[in-house]
Protein backbone atom coordinates (compact mmCIF):
# COMPACT_ATOMS: atom_id res chain seq x y z
CA MET A 1 0.00 0.00 0.00
CA LYS A 2 1.32 3.43 -0.89
CA LYS A 3 1.91 5.77 2.00
CA LEU A 4 -0.03 9.05 1.92
CA ILE A 5 1.34 12.07 3.74
CA VAL A 6 -0.79 15.23 3.75
CA ALA A 7 0.67 18.63 4.48
CA THR A 8 -0.66 22.10 5.18
CA VAL A 9 1.41 25.14 6.02
CA THR A 10 1.66 28.88 6.36
CA LEU A 11 4.65 30.86 5.24
CA LEU A 12 7.69 30.16 7.39
CA THR A 13 11.24 30.96 6.43
CA LEU A 14 14.23 29.43 8.18
CA THR A 15 17.34 31.55 8.17
CA ALA A 16 20.90 30.34 8.28
CA THR A 17 22.37 32.71 10.83
CA THR A 18 25.73 33.34 9.25
CA LYS A 19 27.20 36.44 7.69
CA ALA A 20 27.12 34.54 4.42
CA SER A 21 23.55 33.33 4.69
CA PRO A 22 22.29 32.16 1.29
CA ASN A 23 18.92 33.59 2.32
CA ASP A 24 20.31 37.13 2.11
CA GLY A 25 18.79 39.18 -0.68
CA GLU A 26 16.26 37.91 -3.19
CA TYR A 27 18.06 34.81 -4.39
CA GLY A 28 16.86 32.17 -1.95
CA SER A 29 18.14 29.15 -0.08
CA SER A 30 21.27 27.31 -1.13
CA ILE A 31 21.31 23.58 -1.83
CA GLY A 32 23.45 23.24 1.30
CA VAL A 33 20.87 24.92 3.53
CA LEU A 34 18.05 22.92 1.94
CA THR A 35 19.98 19.69 2.52
CA LEU A 36 20.46 20.47 6.21
CA CYS A 37 16.90 21.70 6.83
CA SER A 38 14.97 18.98 5.00
CA ASP A 39 13.40 15.81 6.34
CA MET A 40 13.06 14.33 2.86
CA ALA A 41 14.58 14.92 -0.57
CA GLY A 42 14.48 13.12 -3.87
CA ILE A 43 13.14 13.05 -7.41
CA GLY A 44 9.41 12.81 -7.91
CA THR A 45 6.70 13.20 -10.52
CA VAL A 46 3.86 15.67 -9.97
CA LEU A 47 0.65 13.65 -10.16
CA GLU A 48 -1.78 16.49 -9.50
CA THR A 49 -2.18 19.98 -8.07
CA GLY A 50 -5.06 21.38 -6.08
CA TYR A 51 -6.20 23.38 -3.07
CA THR A 52 -6.82 22.25 0.49
CA ASN A 53 -7.52 23.68 3.92
CA ASN A 54 -6.59 21.54 6.89
CA PHE A 55 -6.21 24.35 9.41
CA PRO A 56 -8.17 23.66 12.60
CA VAL A 57 -11.52 25.33 13.17
CA GLY A 58 -10.99 28.61 15.00
CA HIS A 59 -7.52 29.23 13.59
CA SER A 60 -7.18 32.67 11.98
CA LEU A 61 -6.22 31.05 8.67
CA TYR A 62 -9.09 28.54 8.70
CA GLU A 63 -10.83 30.32 5.83
CA HIS A 64 -7.71 30.36 3.65
CA SER A 65 -7.04 27.52 1.25
CA HIS A 66 -3.53 26.59 0.17
CA GLU A 67 -2.26 25.10 -3.04
CA TYR A 68 -0.65 21.68 -2.87
CA ILE A 69 0.95 19.16 -5.18
CA THR A 70 0.87 15.38 -4.99
CA LEU A 71 4.22 13.75 -5.76
CA GLN A 72 5.13 10.16 -6.46
CA VAL A 73 8.70 9.62 -5.30
CA GLU A 74 10.80 8.14 -8.06
CA GLU A 75 14.09 8.15 -6.16
CA SER A 76 14.48 9.06 -2.51
CA PHE A 77 17.80 10.68 -1.52
CA TYR A 78 16.92 10.48 2.19
CA GLY A 79 13.91 10.48 4.49
CA GLY A 80 11.47 8.68 2.20
CA SER A 81 10.97 5.61 0.07
CA ASN A 82 10.68 4.99 -3.66
CA GLN A 83 7.12 5.02 -5.02
CA GLN A 84 5.87 6.81 -1.91
CA ILE A 85 3.04 9.29 -2.44
CA VAL A 86 3.67 12.67 -0.78
CA VAL A 87 1.32 15.63 -0.64
CA VAL A 88 3.20 18.91 -0.21
CA ASN A 89 1.67 22.29 0.49
CA PHE A 90 3.60 25.22 -0.95
CA GLY A 91 1.46 28.07 0.26
CA LEU A 92 2.64 31.40 -1.13
CA ALA A 93 5.05 30.19 -3.81
CA SER A 94 5.12 32.41 -6.87
CA ARG A 95 5.63 29.42 -9.13
CA SER A 96 4.57 25.79 -9.01
CA PRO A 97 5.46 22.74 -11.10
CA PRO A 98 2.85 21.58 -13.61
CA GLU A 99 1.31 18.14 -13.50
CA SER A 100 3.40 15.30 -14.96
CA GLU A 101 6.66 17.23 -14.44
CA ARG A 102 9.61 15.45 -12.81
CA ILE A 103 11.22 17.56 -10.11
CA VAL A 104 14.00 17.39 -7.57
CA PHE A 105 12.42 18.37 -4.25
CA PHE A 106 13.31 19.18 -0.64
CA VAL A 107 10.53 19.03 1.99
CA ARG A 108 10.33 19.28 5.75
CA SER A 109 7.84 18.97 8.59
CA ASN A 110 7.24 20.70 11.92
CA GLU A 111 10.45 19.16 13.25
CA TYR A 112 13.47 19.99 11.16
CA ASN A 113 17.25 20.05 11.25
CA PHE A 114 18.90 23.41 11.62
CA ASN A 115 22.54 24.44 11.60
CA ASP A 116 24.84 26.96 10.00
CA VAL A 117 25.85 25.24 6.79
CA GLY A 118 29.52 26.06 7.33
CA ASN A 119 29.70 25.20 11.03
CA TRP A 120 31.11 21.68 11.31
CA ASN A 121 31.84 21.98 15.03
CA LEU A 122 28.21 21.54 16.02
CA GLU A 123 25.87 18.61 15.61
CA ASN A 124 22.72 19.35 13.64
CA GLU A 125 20.08 20.71 15.97
CA THR A 126 16.51 19.46 15.76
CA ARG A 127 14.01 22.26 16.17
CA LYS A 128 10.25 22.16 16.42
CA VAL A 129 7.89 24.83 15.18
CA GLU A 130 6.26 26.41 18.21
CA GLY A 131 2.68 27.55 18.49
CA VAL A 132 3.22 31.10 17.29
CA GLU A 133 0.25 31.64 15.02
CA SER A 134 2.25 33.22 12.19
CA ASP A 135 4.55 30.18 12.21
CA TYR A 136 1.85 27.57 12.61
CA ILE A 137 2.21 24.46 10.47
CA PRO A 138 -0.20 21.57 10.97
CA PRO A 139 1.64 18.21 10.94
CA GLY A 140 2.88 17.30 7.50
CA TYR A 141 5.23 18.49 4.78
CA LYS A 142 6.06 21.73 2.98
CA PHE A 143 8.82 22.77 0.63
CA SER A 144 11.88 23.41 2.77
CA ASP A 145 12.90 26.89 3.78
CA ASP A 146 12.21 28.59 0.48
CA TYR A 147 9.11 27.85 -1.58
CA ASN A 148 10.59 28.86 -4.91
CA HIS A 149 14.04 27.27 -4.61
CA ALA A 150 13.26 23.96 -2.91
CA TRP A 151 12.32 22.30 -6.19
CA PHE A 152 13.73 22.34 -9.72
CA SER A 153 13.86 20.24 -12.87
CA PRO A 154 16.56 17.53 -12.94
CA ASN A 155 17.45 18.86 -16.41
CA ALA A 156 17.79 22.50 -15.35
CA ASP A 157 21.02 24.09 -16.60
CA ASN A 158 21.84 20.91 -18.54
CA GLY A 159 21.76 18.84 -15.36
CA LEU A 160 24.42 20.91 -13.59
CA ILE A 161 22.19 21.76 -10.61
CA PHE A 162 21.17 18.12 -10.19
CA ASN A 163 24.77 16.85 -10.29
CA TYR A 164 25.81 19.52 -7.80
CA THR A 165 22.91 18.58 -5.53
CA THR A 166 23.83 14.90 -5.40
CA ASN A 167 27.42 15.81 -4.53
CA ILE A 168 26.28 18.20 -1.79
CA ILE A 169 23.96 15.60 -0.27
CA HIS A 170 26.69 12.96 -0.34
CA THR A 171 29.38 15.11 1.29
CA LEU A 172 27.17 17.14 3.65
CA ARG A 173 24.70 14.50 4.83
CA THR A 174 25.22 10.93 3.56
CA GLU A 175 28.98 10.67 4.21
CA ARG A 176 29.63 13.96 5.95
CA ASN A 177 33.18 15.08 5.24
CA TRP A 178 34.46 18.66 5.49
CA THR A 179 37.25 18.35 2.91
CA ASN A 180 35.07 16.68 0.29
CA TYR A 181 32.25 19.17 0.87
CA TYR A 182 34.68 22.09 0.60
CA GLU A 183 35.98 20.78 -2.74
CA VAL A 184 32.44 20.48 -4.11
CA VAL A 185 31.53 24.01 -2.99
CA ARG A 186 34.84 25.52 -4.13
CA SER A 187 34.51 24.01 -7.61
CA GLY A 188 30.90 25.14 -7.85
CA VAL A 189 31.79 28.83 -7.59
CA THR A 190 32.98 28.83 -11.21
CA SER A 191 30.10 26.73 -12.55
CA PRO A 192 28.35 28.05 -15.68
CA SER A 193 25.09 27.45 -13.80
CA GLU A 194 24.01 30.64 -12.04
CA ARG A 195 22.20 28.65 -9.34
CA VAL A 196 25.23 26.48 -8.61
CA SER A 197 27.60 29.44 -8.65
CA ASN A 198 25.42 31.51 -6.29
CA ASP A 199 24.88 28.62 -3.89
CA SER A 200 28.56 27.74 -3.84
CA ASN A 201 29.64 31.33 -3.29
CA ALA A 202 27.32 31.72 -0.30
CA ASP A 203 28.22 28.39 1.29
CA LEU A 204 31.96 28.84 0.76
CA ARG A 205 31.72 32.15 2.62
CA SER A 206 30.03 30.28 5.45
CA LEU A 207 32.82 27.69 5.47
CA ILE A 208 35.40 30.50 5.71
CA GLN A 209 33.52 32.07 8.61
CA PHE A 210 33.55 28.91 10.71
CA ALA A 211 36.85 27.36 9.55
CA ASP A 212 39.54 26.46 12.07
CA PRO A 213 43.20 27.49 11.47
CA ALA A 214 44.08 24.25 9.65
CA GLN A 215 41.08 24.57 7.33
CA LEU A 216 41.87 28.21 6.60
CA LEU A 217 45.46 27.25 5.77
CA LEU A 218 44.21 24.55 3.40
CA MET A 219 42.06 27.12 1.59
CA LYS A 220 44.87 29.66 1.49
CA ASN A 221 47.26 27.15 -0.10
CA ASP A 222 44.68 25.72 -2.50
CA PRO A 223 45.61 26.81 -6.06
CA LEU A 224 41.99 26.24 -7.12
CA PHE A 225 40.51 28.56 -4.50
CA PRO A 226 38.33 31.20 -6.23
CA VAL A 227 40.30 34.39 -6.75
CA GLU A 228 37.28 36.59 -6.05
CA LEU A 229 37.03 35.27 -2.48
CA LYS A 230 40.75 35.37 -1.60
CA ASP A 231 40.32 38.63 0.31
CA LEU A 232 38.08 36.85 2.82
CA LEU A 233 40.96 34.63 3.96
CA PRO A 234 43.36 35.79 6.68
CA LYS A 235 46.55 37.35 5.39
């Protein structure tokens, strides 16, 4: 039997609290932040779109309906299973995937991982959405952290975003390794994909901010370190 997970949500934005937060400005969340803050990620096919309202009676948003999509998971990266059916509410997104489209997606629930993407000295912290009405999310799933950047086509930018994503997930979450993650992010800065380049630039700045002396020395002596970020390293 296929598992059905229903989600409803109001707008809530998590913020990576670093000087190099990829949430700064209008761009949106980096793949690194999405990877840390998601309960589930993978590739899925949009089966249908619609509107729902599962807010409890008496809640101030009870009269507001929210758009949702139903996904069939084709390949789960973590947190789910292949062929699982997932219903994801995306609330106030300015764009949504059409039916039958295959997308890479990141979703999360009321309990989510949170950490500065560059801070490898701390274990990921599990946070729970409290009962503040503006932050209220009934149990279920929503697109992680940023409605408009937590999904994209696997073929976007000739597959460059997808390949970058799988490398980020592997080095940041599956087999967490600072050096390997740094090399992925460093190389991504010069990617011809604007999304990859922006994400890498933001997350490399975060790595610099939290790096220990040995890590900073590695970056300083790395001949492939992006020239445009050299000034952020200690002299």
